[in-house]
């Protein structure tokens, strides 16, 4: 979606927790 909108820098907030979501 952001590629199509020409947003070439984005942030993904995955949290810290156990790291499972960050690894995914």
PDBML (XML) file of the C-alpha atoms, coordinates in Angstrom:
<?xml version="1.0" encoding="UTF-8" ?>
<PDBx:datablock datablockName="MODEL"
   xmlns:PDBx="http://pdbml.pdb.org/schema/pdbx-v50.xsd"
   xmlns:xsi="http://www.w3.org/2001/XMLSchema-instance"
   xsi:schemaLocation="http://pdbml.pdb.org/schema/pdbx-v50.xsd pdbx-v50.xsd">
   <PDBx:atom_siteCategory>
      <PDBx:atom_site id="1">
         <PDBx:B_iso_or_equiv>0.00</PDBx:B_iso_or_equiv>
         <PDBx:Cartn_x>0.000</PDBx:Cartn_x>
         <PDBx:Cartn_y>0.000</PDBx:Cartn_y>
         <PDBx:Cartn_z>0.000</PDBx:Cartn_z>
         <PDBx:auth_asym_id>A</PDBx:auth_asym_id>
         <PDBx:auth_atom_id>CA</PDBx:auth_atom_id>
         <PDBx:auth_comp_id>UNK</PDBx:auth_comp_id>
         <PDBx:auth_seq_id>1</PDBx:auth_seq_id>
         <PDBx:group_PDB>ATOM</PDBx:group_PDB>
         <PDBx:label_alt_id xsi:nil="true" />
         <PDBx:label_asym_id>A</PDBx:label_asym_id>
         <PDBx:label_atom_id>CA</PDBx:label_atom_id>
         <PDBx:label_comp_id>UNK</PDBx:label_comp_id>
         <PDBx:label_entity_id>1</PDBx:label_entity_id>
         <PDBx:label_seq_id>1</PDBx:label_seq_id>
         <PDBx:occupancy>1.00</PDBx:occupancy>
         <PDBx:pdbx_PDB_model_num>1</PDBx:pdbx_PDB_model_num>
         <PDBx:type_symbol>C</PDBx:type_symbol>
      </PDBx:atom_site>
      <PDBx:atom_site id="2">
         <PDBx:B_iso_or_equiv>0.00</PDBx:B_iso_or_equiv>
         <PDBx:Cartn_x>2.743</PDBx:Cartn_x>
         <PDBx:Cartn_y>2.462</PDBx:Cartn_y>
         <PDBx:Cartn_z>0.899</PDBx:Cartn_z>
         <PDBx:auth_asym_id>A</PDBx:auth_asym_id>
         <PDBx:auth_atom_id>CA</PDBx:auth_atom_id>
         <PDBx:auth_comp_id>UNK</PDBx:auth_comp_id>
         <PDBx:auth_seq_id>2</PDBx:auth_seq_id>
         <PDBx:group_PDB>ATOM</PDBx:group_PDB>
         <PDBx:label_alt_id xsi:nil="true" />
         <PDBx:label_asym_id>A</PDBx:label_asym_id>
         <PDBx:label_atom_id>CA</PDBx:label_atom_id>
         <PDBx:label_comp_id>UNK</PDBx:label_comp_id>
         <PDBx:label_entity_id>1</PDBx:label_entity_id>
         <PDBx:label_seq_id>2</PDBx:label_seq_id>
         <PDBx:occupancy>1.00</PDBx:occupancy>
         <PDBx:pdbx_PDB_model_num>1</PDBx:pdbx_PDB_model_num>
         <PDBx:type_symbol>C</PDBx:type_symbol>
      </PDBx:atom_site>
      <PDBx:atom_site id="3">
         <PDBx:B_iso_or_equiv>0.00</PDBx:B_iso_or_equiv>
         <PDBx:Cartn_x>4.703</PDBx:Cartn_x>
         <PDBx:Cartn_y>1.631</PDBx:Cartn_y>
         <PDBx:Cartn_z>-2.242</PDBx:Cartn_z>
         <PDBx:auth_asym_id>A</PDBx:auth_asym_id>
         <PDBx:auth_atom_id>CA</PDBx:auth_atom_id>
         <PDBx:auth_comp_id>UNK</PDBx:auth_comp_id>
         <PDBx:auth_seq_id>3</PDBx:auth_seq_id>
         <PDBx:group_PDB>ATOM</PDBx:group_PDB>
         <PDBx:label_alt_id xsi:nil="true" />
         <PDBx:label_asym_id>A</PDBx:label_asym_id>
         <PDBx:label_atom_id>CA</PDBx:label_atom_id>
         <PDBx:label_comp_id>UNK</PDBx:label_comp_id>
         <PDBx:label_entity_id>1</PDBx:label_entity_id>
         <PDBx:label_seq_id>3</PDBx:label_seq_id>
         <PDBx:occupancy>1.00</PDBx:occupancy>
         <PDBx:pdbx_PDB_model_num>1</PDBx:pdbx_PDB_model_num>
         <PDBx:type_symbol>C</PDBx:type_symbol>
      </PDBx:atom_site>
      <PDBx:atom_site id="4">
         <PDBx:B_iso_or_equiv>0.00</PDBx:B_iso_or_equiv>
         <PDBx:Cartn_x>1.613</PDBx:Cartn_x>
         <PDBx:Cartn_y>2.495</PDBx:Cartn_y>
         <PDBx:Cartn_z>-4.287</PDBx:Cartn_z>
         <PDBx:auth_asym_id>A</PDBx:auth_asym_id>
         <PDBx:auth_atom_id>CA</PDBx:auth_atom_id>
         <PDBx:auth_comp_id>UNK</PDBx:auth_comp_id>
         <PDBx:auth_seq_id>4</PDBx:auth_seq_id>
         <PDBx:group_PDB>ATOM</PDBx:group_PDB>
         <PDBx:label_alt_id xsi:nil="true" />
         <PDBx:label_asym_id>A</PDBx:label_asym_id>
         <PDBx:label_atom_id>CA</PDBx:label_atom_id>
         <PDBx:label_comp_id>UNK</PDBx:label_comp_id>
         <PDBx:label_entity_id>1</PDBx:label_entity_id>
         <PDBx:label_seq_id>4</PDBx:label_seq_id>
         <PDBx:occupancy>1.00</PDBx:occupancy>
         <PDBx:pdbx_PDB_model_num>1</PDBx:pdbx_PDB_model_num>
         <PDBx:type_symbol>C</PDBx:type_symbol>
      </PDBx:atom_site>
      <PDBx:atom_site id="5">
         <PDBx:B_iso_or_equiv>0.00</PDBx:B_iso_or_equiv>
         <PDBx:Cartn_x>1.160</PDBx:Cartn_x>
         <PDBx:Cartn_y>5.705</PDBx:Cartn_y>
         <PDBx:Cartn_z>-2.287</PDBx:Cartn_z>
         <PDBx:auth_asym_id>A</PDBx:auth_asym_id>
         <PDBx:auth_atom_id>CA</PDBx:auth_atom_id>
         <PDBx:auth_comp_id>UNK</PDBx:auth_comp_id>
         <PDBx:auth_seq_id>5</PDBx:auth_seq_id>
         <PDBx:group_PDB>ATOM</PDBx:group_PDB>
         <PDBx:label_alt_id xsi:nil="true" />
         <PDBx:label_asym_id>A</PDBx:label_asym_id>
         <PDBx:label_atom_id>CA</PDBx:label_atom_id>
         <PDBx:label_comp_id>UNK</PDBx:label_comp_id>
         <PDBx:label_entity_id>1</PDBx:label_entity_id>
         <PDBx:label_seq_id>5</PDBx:label_seq_id>
         <PDBx:occupancy>1.00</PDBx:occupancy>
         <PDBx:pdbx_PDB_model_num>1</PDBx:pdbx_PDB_model_num>
         <PDBx:type_symbol>C</PDBx:type_symbol>
      </PDBx:atom_site>
      <PDBx:atom_site id="6">
         <PDBx:B_iso_or_equiv>0.00</PDBx:B_iso_or_equiv>
         <PDBx:Cartn_x>4.862</PDBx:Cartn_x>
         <PDBx:Cartn_y>6.559</PDBx:Cartn_y>
         <PDBx:Cartn_z>-2.828</PDBx:Cartn_z>
         <PDBx:auth_asym_id>A</PDBx:auth_asym_id>
         <PDBx:auth_atom_id>CA</PDBx:auth_atom_id>
         <PDBx:auth_comp_id>UNK</PDBx:auth_comp_id>
         <PDBx:auth_seq_id>6</PDBx:auth_seq_id>
         <PDBx:group_PDB>ATOM</PDBx:group_PDB>
         <PDBx:label_alt_id xsi:nil="true" />
         <PDBx:label_asym_id>A</PDBx:label_asym_id>
         <PDBx:label_atom_id>CA</PDBx:label_atom_id>
         <PDBx:label_comp_id>UNK</PDBx:label_comp_id>
         <PDBx:label_entity_id>1</PDBx:label_entity_id>
         <PDBx:label_seq_id>6</PDBx:label_seq_id>
         <PDBx:occupancy>1.00</PDBx:occupancy>
         <PDBx:pdbx_PDB_model_num>1</PDBx:pdbx_PDB_model_num>
         <PDBx:type_symbol>C</PDBx:type_symbol>
      </PDBx:atom_site>
      <PDBx:atom_site id="7">
         <PDBx:B_iso_or_equiv>0.00</PDBx:B_iso_or_equiv>
         <PDBx:Cartn_x>5.654</PDBx:Cartn_x>
         <PDBx:Cartn_y>6.605</PDBx:Cartn_y>
         <PDBx:Cartn_z>0.882</PDBx:Cartn_z>
         <PDBx:auth_asym_id>A</PDBx:auth_asym_id>
         <PDBx:auth_atom_id>CA</PDBx:auth_atom_id>
         <PDBx:auth_comp_id>UNK</PDBx:auth_comp_id>
         <PDBx:auth_seq_id>7</PDBx:auth_seq_id>
         <PDBx:group_PDB>ATOM</PDBx:group_PDB>
         <PDBx:label_alt_id xsi:nil="true" />
         <PDBx:label_asym_id>A</PDBx:label_asym_id>
         <PDBx:label_atom_id>CA</PDBx:label_atom_id>
         <PDBx:label_comp_id>UNK</PDBx:label_comp_id>
         <PDBx:label_entity_id>1</PDBx:label_entity_id>
         <PDBx:label_seq_id>7</PDBx:label_seq_id>
         <PDBx:occupancy>1.00</PDBx:occupancy>
         <PDBx:pdbx_PDB_model_num>1</PDBx:pdbx_PDB_model_num>
         <PDBx:type_symbol>C</PDBx:type_symbol>
      </PDBx:atom_site>
      <PDBx:atom_site id="8">
         <PDBx:B_iso_or_equiv>0.00</PDBx:B_iso_or_equiv>
         <PDBx:Cartn_x>9.216</PDBx:Cartn_x>
         <PDBx:Cartn_y>5.361</PDBx:Cartn_y>
         <PDBx:Cartn_z>0.818</PDBx:Cartn_z>
         <PDBx:auth_asym_id>A</PDBx:auth_asym_id>
         <PDBx:auth_atom_id>CA</PDBx:auth_atom_id>
         <PDBx:auth_comp_id>UNK</PDBx:auth_comp_id>
         <PDBx:auth_seq_id>8</PDBx:auth_seq_id>
         <PDBx:group_PDB>ATOM</PDBx:group_PDB>
         <PDBx:label_alt_id xsi:nil="true" />
         <PDBx:label_asym_id>A</PDBx:label_asym_id>
         <PDBx:label_atom_id>CA</PDBx:label_atom_id>
         <PDBx:label_comp_id>UNK</PDBx:label_comp_id>
         <PDBx:label_entity_id>1</PDBx:label_entity_id>
         <PDBx:label_seq_id>8</PDBx:label_seq_id>
         <PDBx:occupancy>1.00</PDBx:occupancy>
         <PDBx:pdbx_PDB_model_num>1</PDBx:pdbx_PDB_model_num>
         <PDBx:type_symbol>C</PDBx:type_symbol>
      </PDBx:atom_site>
      <PDBx:atom_site id="9">
         <PDBx:B_iso_or_equiv>0.00</PDBx:B_iso_or_equiv>
         <PDBx:Cartn_x>9.839</PDBx:Cartn_x>
         <PDBx:Cartn_y>5.302</PDBx:Cartn_y>
         <PDBx:Cartn_z>4.564</PDBx:Cartn_z>
         <PDBx:auth_asym_id>A</PDBx:auth_asym_id>
         <PDBx:auth_atom_id>CA</PDBx:auth_atom_id>
         <PDBx:auth_comp_id>UNK</PDBx:auth_comp_id>
         <PDBx:auth_seq_id>9</PDBx:auth_seq_id>
         <PDBx:group_PDB>ATOM</PDBx:group_PDB>
         <PDBx:label_alt_id xsi:nil="true" />
         <PDBx:label_asym_id>A</PDBx:label_asym_id>
         <PDBx:label_atom_id>CA</PDBx:label_atom_id>
         <PDBx:label_comp_id>UNK</PDBx:label_comp_id>
         <PDBx:label_entity_id>1</PDBx:label_entity_id>
         <PDBx:label_seq_id>9</PDBx:label_seq_id>
         <PDBx:occupancy>1.00</PDBx:occupancy>
         <PDBx:pdbx_PDB_model_num>1</PDBx:pdbx_PDB_model_num>
         <PDBx:type_symbol>C</PDBx:type_symbol>
      </PDBx:atom_site>
      <PDBx:atom_site id="10">
         <PDBx:B_iso_or_equiv>0.00</PDBx:B_iso_or_equiv>
         <PDBx:Cartn_x>7.463</PDBx:Cartn_x>
         <PDBx:Cartn_y>3.736</PDBx:Cartn_y>
         <PDBx:Cartn_z>7.096</PDBx:Cartn_z>
         <PDBx:auth_asym_id>A</PDBx:auth_asym_id>
         <PDBx:auth_atom_id>CA</PDBx:auth_atom_id>
         <PDBx:auth_comp_id>UNK</PDBx:auth_comp_id>
         <PDBx:auth_seq_id>10</PDBx:auth_seq_id>
         <PDBx:group_PDB>ATOM</PDBx:group_PDB>
         <PDBx:label_alt_id xsi:nil="true" />
         <PDBx:label_asym_id>A</PDBx:label_asym_id>
         <PDBx:label_atom_id>CA</PDBx:label_atom_id>
         <PDBx:label_comp_id>UNK</PDBx:label_comp_id>
         <PDBx:label_entity_id>1</PDBx:label_entity_id>
         <PDBx:label_seq_id>10</PDBx:label_seq_id>
         <PDBx:occupancy>1.00</PDBx:occupancy>
         <PDBx:pdbx_PDB_model_num>1</PDBx:pdbx_PDB_model_num>
         <PDBx:type_symbol>C</PDBx:type_symbol>
      </PDBx:atom_site>
      <PDBx:atom_site id="11">
         <PDBx:B_iso_or_equiv>0.00</PDBx:B_iso_or_equiv>
         <PDBx:Cartn_x>7.423</PDBx:Cartn_x>
         <PDBx:Cartn_y>2.529</PDBx:Cartn_y>
         <PDBx:Cartn_z>10.699</PDBx:Cartn_z>
         <PDBx:auth_asym_id>A</PDBx:auth_asym_id>
         <PDBx:auth_atom_id>CA</PDBx:auth_atom_id>
         <PDBx:auth_comp_id>UNK</PDBx:auth_comp_id>
         <PDBx:auth_seq_id>11</PDBx:auth_seq_id>
         <PDBx:group_PDB>ATOM</PDBx:group_PDB>
         <PDBx:label_alt_id xsi:nil="true" />
         <PDBx:label_asym_id>A</PDBx:label_asym_id>
         <PDBx:label_atom_id>CA</PDBx:label_atom_id>
         <PDBx:label_comp_id>UNK</PDBx:label_comp_id>
         <PDBx:label_entity_id>1</PDBx:label_entity_id>
         <PDBx:label_seq_id>11</PDBx:label_seq_id>
         <PDBx:occupancy>1.00</PDBx:occupancy>
         <PDBx:pdbx_PDB_model_num>1</PDBx:pdbx_PDB_model_num>
         <PDBx:type_symbol>C</PDBx:type_symbol>
      </PDBx:atom_site>
      <PDBx:atom_site id="12">
         <PDBx:B_iso_or_equiv>0.00</PDBx:B_iso_or_equiv>
         <PDBx:Cartn_x>6.271</PDBx:Cartn_x>
         <PDBx:Cartn_y>-0.863</PDBx:Cartn_y>
         <PDBx:Cartn_z>11.910</PDBx:Cartn_z>
         <PDBx:auth_asym_id>A</PDBx:auth_asym_id>
         <PDBx:auth_atom_id>CA</PDBx:auth_atom_id>
         <PDBx:auth_comp_id>UNK</PDBx:auth_comp_id>
         <PDBx:auth_seq_id>12</PDBx:auth_seq_id>
         <PDBx:group_PDB>ATOM</PDBx:group_PDB>
         <PDBx:label_alt_id xsi:nil="true" />
         <PDBx:label_asym_id>A</PDBx:label_asym_id>
         <PDBx:label_atom_id>CA</PDBx:label_atom_id>
         <PDBx:label_comp_id>UNK</PDBx:label_comp_id>
         <PDBx:label_entity_id>1</PDBx:label_entity_id>
         <PDBx:label_seq_id>12</PDBx:label_seq_id>
         <PDBx:occupancy>1.00</PDBx:occupancy>
         <PDBx:pdbx_PDB_model_num>1</PDBx:pdbx_PDB_model_num>
         <PDBx:type_symbol>C</PDBx:type_symbol>
      </PDBx:atom_site>
      <PDBx:atom_site id="13">
         <PDBx:B_iso_or_equiv>0.00</PDBx:B_iso_or_equiv>
         <PDBx:Cartn_x>5.503</PDBx:Cartn_x>
         <PDBx:Cartn_y>-1.032</PDBx:Cartn_y>
         <PDBx:Cartn_z>15.625</PDBx:Cartn_z>
         <PDBx:auth_asym_id>A</PDBx:auth_asym_id>
         <PDBx:auth_atom_id>CA</PDBx:auth_atom_id>
         <PDBx:auth_comp_id>UNK</PDBx:auth_comp_id>
         <PDBx:auth_seq_id>13</PDBx:auth_seq_id>
         <PDBx:group_PDB>ATOM</PDBx:group_PDB>
         <PDBx:label_alt_id xsi:nil="true" />
         <PDBx:label_asym_id>A</PDBx:label_asym_id>
         <PDBx:label_atom_id>CA</PDBx:label_atom_id>
         <PDBx:label_comp_id>UNK</PDBx:label_comp_id>
         <PDBx:label_entity_id>1</PDBx:label_entity_id>
         <PDBx:label_seq_id>13</PDBx:label_seq_id>
         <PDBx:occupancy>1.00</PDBx:occupancy>
         <PDBx:pdbx_PDB_model_num>1</PDBx:pdbx_PDB_model_num>
         <PDBx:type_symbol>C</PDBx:type_symbol>
      </PDBx:atom_site>
      <PDBx:atom_site id="14">
         <PDBx:B_iso_or_equiv>0.00</PDBx:B_iso_or_equiv>
         <PDBx:Cartn_x>5.903</PDBx:Cartn_x>
         <PDBx:Cartn_y>-4.620</PDBx:Cartn_y>
         <PDBx:Cartn_z>16.795</PDBx:Cartn_z>
         <PDBx:auth_asym_id>A</PDBx:auth_asym_id>
         <PDBx:auth_atom_id>CA</PDBx:auth_atom_id>
         <PDBx:auth_comp_id>UNK</PDBx:auth_comp_id>
         <PDBx:auth_seq_id>14</PDBx:auth_seq_id>
         <PDBx:group_PDB>ATOM</PDBx:group_PDB>
         <PDBx:label_alt_id xsi:nil="true" />
         <PDBx:label_asym_id>A</PDBx:label_asym_id>
         <PDBx:label_atom_id>CA</PDBx:label_atom_id>
         <PDBx:label_comp_id>UNK</PDBx:label_comp_id>
         <PDBx:label_entity_id>1</PDBx:label_entity_id>
         <PDBx:label_seq_id>14</PDBx:label_seq_id>
         <PDBx:occupancy>1.00</PDBx:occupancy>
         <PDBx:pdbx_PDB_model_num>1</PDBx:pdbx_PDB_model_num>
         <PDBx:type_symbol>C</PDBx:type_symbol>
      </PDBx:atom_site>
      <PDBx:atom_site id="15">
         <PDBx:B_iso_or_equiv>0.00</PDBx:B_iso_or_equiv>
         <PDBx:Cartn_x>6.592</PDBx:Cartn_x>
         <PDBx:Cartn_y>-4.063</PDBx:Cartn_y>
         <PDBx:Cartn_z>20.469</PDBx:Cartn_z>
         <PDBx:auth_asym_id>A</PDBx:auth_asym_id>
         <PDBx:auth_atom_id>CA</PDBx:auth_atom_id>
         <PDBx:auth_comp_id>UNK</PDBx:auth_comp_id>
         <PDBx:auth_seq_id>15</PDBx:auth_seq_id>
         <PDBx:group_PDB>ATOM</PDBx:group_PDB>
         <PDBx:label_alt_id xsi:nil="true" />
         <PDBx:label_asym_id>A</PDBx:label_asym_id>
         <PDBx:label_atom_id>CA</PDBx:label_atom_id>
         <PDBx:label_comp_id>UNK</PDBx:label_comp_id>
         <PDBx:label_entity_id>1</PDBx:label_entity_id>
         <PDBx:label_seq_id>15</PDBx:label_seq_id>
         <PDBx:occupancy>1.00</PDBx:occupancy>
         <PDBx:pdbx_PDB_model_num>1</PDBx:pdbx_PDB_model_num>
         <PDBx:type_symbol>C</PDBx:type_symbol>
      </PDBx:atom_site>
      <PDBx:atom_site id="16">
         <PDBx:B_iso_or_equiv>0.00</PDBx:B_iso_or_equiv>
         <PDBx:Cartn_x>9.282</PDBx:Cartn_x>
         <PDBx:Cartn_y>-5.723</PDBx:Cartn_y>
         <PDBx:Cartn_z>22.558</PDBx:Cartn_z>
         <PDBx:auth_asym_id>A</PDBx:auth_asym_id>
         <PDBx:auth_atom_id>CA</PDBx:auth_atom_id>
         <PDBx:auth_comp_id>UNK</PDBx:auth_comp_id>
         <PDBx:auth_seq_id>16</PDBx:auth_seq_id>
         <PDBx:group_PDB>ATOM</PDBx:group_PDB>
         <PDBx:label_alt_id xsi:nil="true" />
         <PDBx:label_asym_id>A</PDBx:label_asym_id>
         <PDBx:label_atom_id>CA</PDBx:label_atom_id>
         <PDBx:label_comp_id>UNK</PDBx:label_comp_id>
         <PDBx:label_entity_id>1</PDBx:label_entity_id>
         <PDBx:label_seq_id>16</PDBx:label_seq_id>
         <PDBx:occupancy>1.00</PDBx:occupancy>
         <PDBx:pdbx_PDB_model_num>1</PDBx:pdbx_PDB_model_num>
         <PDBx:type_symbol>C</PDBx:type_symbol>
      </PDBx:atom_site>
      <PDBx:atom_site id="17">
         <PDBx:B_iso_or_equiv>0.00</PDBx:B_iso_or_equiv>
         <PDBx:Cartn_x>7.635</PDBx:Cartn_x>
         <PDBx:Cartn_y>-8.662</PDBx:Cartn_y>
         <PDBx:Cartn_z>24.366</PDBx:Cartn_z>
         <PDBx:auth_asym_id>A</PDBx:auth_asym_id>
         <PDBx:auth_atom_id>CA</PDBx:auth_atom_id>
         <PDBx:auth_comp_id>UNK</PDBx:auth_comp_id>
         <PDBx:auth_seq_id>17</PDBx:auth_seq_id>
         <PDBx:group_PDB>ATOM</PDBx:group_PDB>
         <PDBx:label_alt_id xsi:nil="true" />
         <PDBx:label_asym_id>A</PDBx:label_asym_id>
         <PDBx:label_atom_id>CA</PDBx:label_atom_id>
         <PDBx:label_comp_id>UNK</PDBx:label_comp_id>
         <PDBx:label_entity_id>1</PDBx:label_entity_id>
         <PDBx:label_seq_id>17</PDBx:label_seq_id>
         <PDBx:occupancy>1.00</PDBx:occupancy>
         <PDBx:pdbx_PDB_model_num>1</PDBx:pdbx_PDB_model_num>
         <PDBx:type_symbol>C</PDBx:type_symbol>
      </PDBx:atom_site>
      <PDBx:atom_site id="18">
         <PDBx:B_iso_or_equiv>0.00</PDBx:B_iso_or_equiv>
         <PDBx:Cartn_x>9.116</PDBx:Cartn_x>
         <PDBx:Cartn_y>-12.080</PDBx:Cartn_y>
         <PDBx:Cartn_z>23.629</PDBx:Cartn_z>
         <PDBx:auth_asym_id>A</PDBx:auth_asym_id>
         <PDBx:auth_atom_id>CA</PDBx:auth_atom_id>
         <PDBx:auth_comp_id>UNK</PDBx:auth_comp_id>
         <PDBx:auth_seq_id>18</PDBx:auth_seq_id>
         <PDBx:group_PDB>ATOM</PDBx:group_PDB>
         <PDBx:label_alt_id xsi:nil="true" />
         <PDBx:label_asym_id>A</PDBx:label_asym_id>
         <PDBx:label_atom_id>CA</PDBx:label_atom_id>
         <PDBx:label_comp_id>UNK</PDBx:label_comp_id>
         <PDBx:label_entity_id>1</PDBx:label_entity_id>
         <PDBx:label_seq_id>18</PDBx:label_seq_id>
         <PDBx:occupancy>1.00</PDBx:occupancy>
         <PDBx:pdbx_PDB_model_num>1</PDBx:pdbx_PDB_model_num>
         <PDBx:type_symbol>C</PDBx:type_symbol>
      </PDBx:atom_site>
      <PDBx:atom_site id="19">
         <PDBx:B_iso_or_equiv>0.00</PDBx:B_iso_or_equiv>
         <PDBx:Cartn_x>10.304</PDBx:Cartn_x>
         <PDBx:Cartn_y>-11.044</PDBx:Cartn_y>
         <PDBx:Cartn_z>20.161</PDBx:Cartn_z>
         <PDBx:auth_asym_id>A</PDBx:auth_asym_id>
         <PDBx:auth_atom_id>CA</PDBx:auth_atom_id>
         <PDBx:auth_comp_id>UNK</PDBx:auth_comp_id>
         <PDBx:auth_seq_id>19</PDBx:auth_seq_id>
         <PDBx:group_PDB>ATOM</PDBx:group_PDB>
         <PDBx:label_alt_id xsi:nil="true" />
         <PDBx:label_asym_id>A</PDBx:label_asym_id>
         <PDBx:label_atom_id>CA</PDBx:label_atom_id>
         <PDBx:label_comp_id>UNK</PDBx:label_comp_id>
         <PDBx:label_entity_id>1</PDBx:label_entity_id>
         <PDBx:label_seq_id>19</PDBx:label_seq_id>
         <PDBx:occupancy>1.00</PDBx:occupancy>
         <PDBx:pdbx_PDB_model_num>1</PDBx:pdbx_PDB_model_num>
         <PDBx:type_symbol>C</PDBx:type_symbol>
      </PDBx:atom_site>
      <PDBx:atom_site id="20">
         <PDBx:B_iso_or_equiv>0.00</PDBx:B_iso_or_equiv>
         <PDBx:Cartn_x>8.088</PDBx:Cartn_x>
         <PDBx:Cartn_y>-13.453</PDBx:Cartn_y>
         <PDBx:Cartn_z>18.221</PDBx:Cartn_z>
         <PDBx:auth_asym_id>A</PDBx:auth_asym_id>
         <PDBx:auth_atom_id>CA</PDBx:auth_atom_id>
         <PDBx:auth_comp_id>UNK</PDBx:auth_comp_id>
         <PDBx:auth_seq_id>20</PDBx:auth_seq_id>
         <PDBx:group_PDB>ATOM</PDBx:group_PDB>
         <PDBx:label_alt_id xsi:nil="true" />
         <PDBx:label_asym_id>A</PDBx:label_asym_id>
         <PDBx:label_atom_id>CA</PDBx:label_atom_id>
         <PDBx:label_comp_id>UNK</PDBx:label_comp_id>
         <PDBx:label_entity_id>1</PDBx:label_entity_id>
         <PDBx:label_seq_id>20</PDBx:label_seq_id>
         <PDBx:occupancy>1.00</PDBx:occupancy>
         <PDBx:pdbx_PDB_model_num>1</PDBx:pdbx_PDB_model_num>
         <PDBx:type_symbol>C</PDBx:type_symbol>
      </PDBx:atom_site>
      <PDBx:atom_site id="21">
         <PDBx:B_iso_or_equiv>0.00</PDBx:B_iso_or_equiv>
         <PDBx:Cartn_x>6.272</PDBx:Cartn_x>
         <PDBx:Cartn_y>-10.727</PDBx:Cartn_y>
         <PDBx:Cartn_z>16.265</PDBx:Cartn_z>
         <PDBx:auth_asym_id>A</PDBx:auth_asym_id>
         <PDBx:auth_atom_id>CA</PDBx:auth_atom_id>
         <PDBx:auth_comp_id>UNK</PDBx:auth_comp_id>
         <PDBx:auth_seq_id>21</PDBx:auth_seq_id>
         <PDBx:group_PDB>ATOM</PDBx:group_PDB>
         <PDBx:label_alt_id xsi:nil="true" />
         <PDBx:label_asym_id>A</PDBx:label_asym_id>
         <PDBx:label_atom_id>CA</PDBx:label_atom_id>
         <PDBx:label_comp_id>UNK</PDBx:label_comp_id>
         <PDBx:label_entity_id>1</PDBx:label_entity_id>
         <PDBx:label_seq_id>21</PDBx:label_seq_id>
         <PDBx:occupancy>1.00</PDBx:occupancy>
         <PDBx:pdbx_PDB_model_num>1</PDBx:pdbx_PDB_model_num>
         <PDBx:type_symbol>C</PDBx:type_symbol>
      </PDBx:atom_site>
      <PDBx:atom_site id="22">
         <PDBx:B_iso_or_equiv>0.00</PDBx:B_iso_or_equiv>
         <PDBx:Cartn_x>9.518</PDBx:Cartn_x>
         <PDBx:Cartn_y>-8.806</PDBx:Cartn_y>
         <PDBx:Cartn_z>15.651</PDBx:Cartn_z>
         <PDBx:auth_asym_id>A</PDBx:auth_asym_id>
         <PDBx:auth_atom_id>CA</PDBx:auth_atom_id>
         <PDBx:auth_comp_id>UNK</PDBx:auth_comp_id>
         <PDBx:auth_seq_id>22</PDBx:auth_seq_id>
         <PDBx:group_PDB>ATOM</PDBx:group_PDB>
         <PDBx:label_alt_id xsi:nil="true" />
         <PDBx:label_asym_id>A</PDBx:label_asym_id>
         <PDBx:label_atom_id>CA</PDBx:label_atom_id>
         <PDBx:label_comp_id>UNK</PDBx:label_comp_id>
         <PDBx:label_entity_id>1</PDBx:label_entity_id>
         <PDBx:label_seq_id>22</PDBx:label_seq_id>
         <PDBx:occupancy>1.00</PDBx:occupancy>
         <PDBx:pdbx_PDB_model_num>1</PDBx:pdbx_PDB_model_num>
         <PDBx:type_symbol>C</PDBx:type_symbol>
      </PDBx:atom_site>
      <PDBx:atom_site id="23">
         <PDBx:B_iso_or_equiv>0.00</PDBx:B_iso_or_equiv>
         <PDBx:Cartn_x>11.149</PDBx:Cartn_x>
         <PDBx:Cartn_y>-11.929</PDBx:Cartn_y>
         <PDBx:Cartn_z>14.214</PDBx:Cartn_z>
         <PDBx:auth_asym_id>A</PDBx:auth_asym_id>
         <PDBx:auth_atom_id>CA</PDBx:auth_atom_id>
         <PDBx:auth_comp_id>UNK</PDBx:auth_comp_id>
         <PDBx:auth_seq_id>23</PDBx:auth_seq_id>
         <PDBx:group_PDB>ATOM</PDBx:group_PDB>
         <PDBx:label_alt_id xsi:nil="true" />
         <PDBx:label_asym_id>A</PDBx:label_asym_id>
         <PDBx:label_atom_id>CA</PDBx:label_atom_id>
         <PDBx:label_comp_id>UNK</PDBx:label_comp_id>
         <PDBx:label_entity_id>1</PDBx:label_entity_id>
         <PDBx:label_seq_id>23</PDBx:label_seq_id>
         <PDBx:occupancy>1.00</PDBx:occupancy>
         <PDBx:pdbx_PDB_model_num>1</PDBx:pdbx_PDB_model_num>
         <PDBx:type_symbol>C</PDBx:type_symbol>
      </PDBx:atom_site>
      <PDBx:atom_site id="24">
         <PDBx:B_iso_or_equiv>0.00</PDBx:B_iso_or_equiv>
         <PDBx:Cartn_x>8.134</PDBx:Cartn_x>
         <PDBx:Cartn_y>-12.565</PDBx:Cartn_y>
         <PDBx:Cartn_z>11.984</PDBx:Cartn_z>
         <PDBx:auth_asym_id>A</PDBx:auth_asym_id>
         <PDBx:auth_atom_id>CA</PDBx:auth_atom_id>
         <PDBx:auth_comp_id>UNK</PDBx:auth_comp_id>
         <PDBx:auth_seq_id>24</PDBx:auth_seq_id>
         <PDBx:group_PDB>ATOM</PDBx:group_PDB>
         <PDBx:label_alt_id xsi:nil="true" />
         <PDBx:label_asym_id>A</PDBx:label_asym_id>
         <PDBx:label_atom_id>CA</PDBx:label_atom_id>
         <PDBx:label_comp_id>UNK</PDBx:label_comp_id>
         <PDBx:label_entity_id>1</PDBx:label_entity_id>
         <PDBx:label_seq_id>24</PDBx:label_seq_id>
         <PDBx:occupancy>1.00</PDBx:occupancy>
         <PDBx:pdbx_PDB_model_num>1</PDBx:pdbx_PDB_model_num>
         <PDBx:type_symbol>C</PDBx:type_symbol>
      </PDBx:atom_site>
   </PDBx:atom_siteCategory>
</PDBx:datablock>
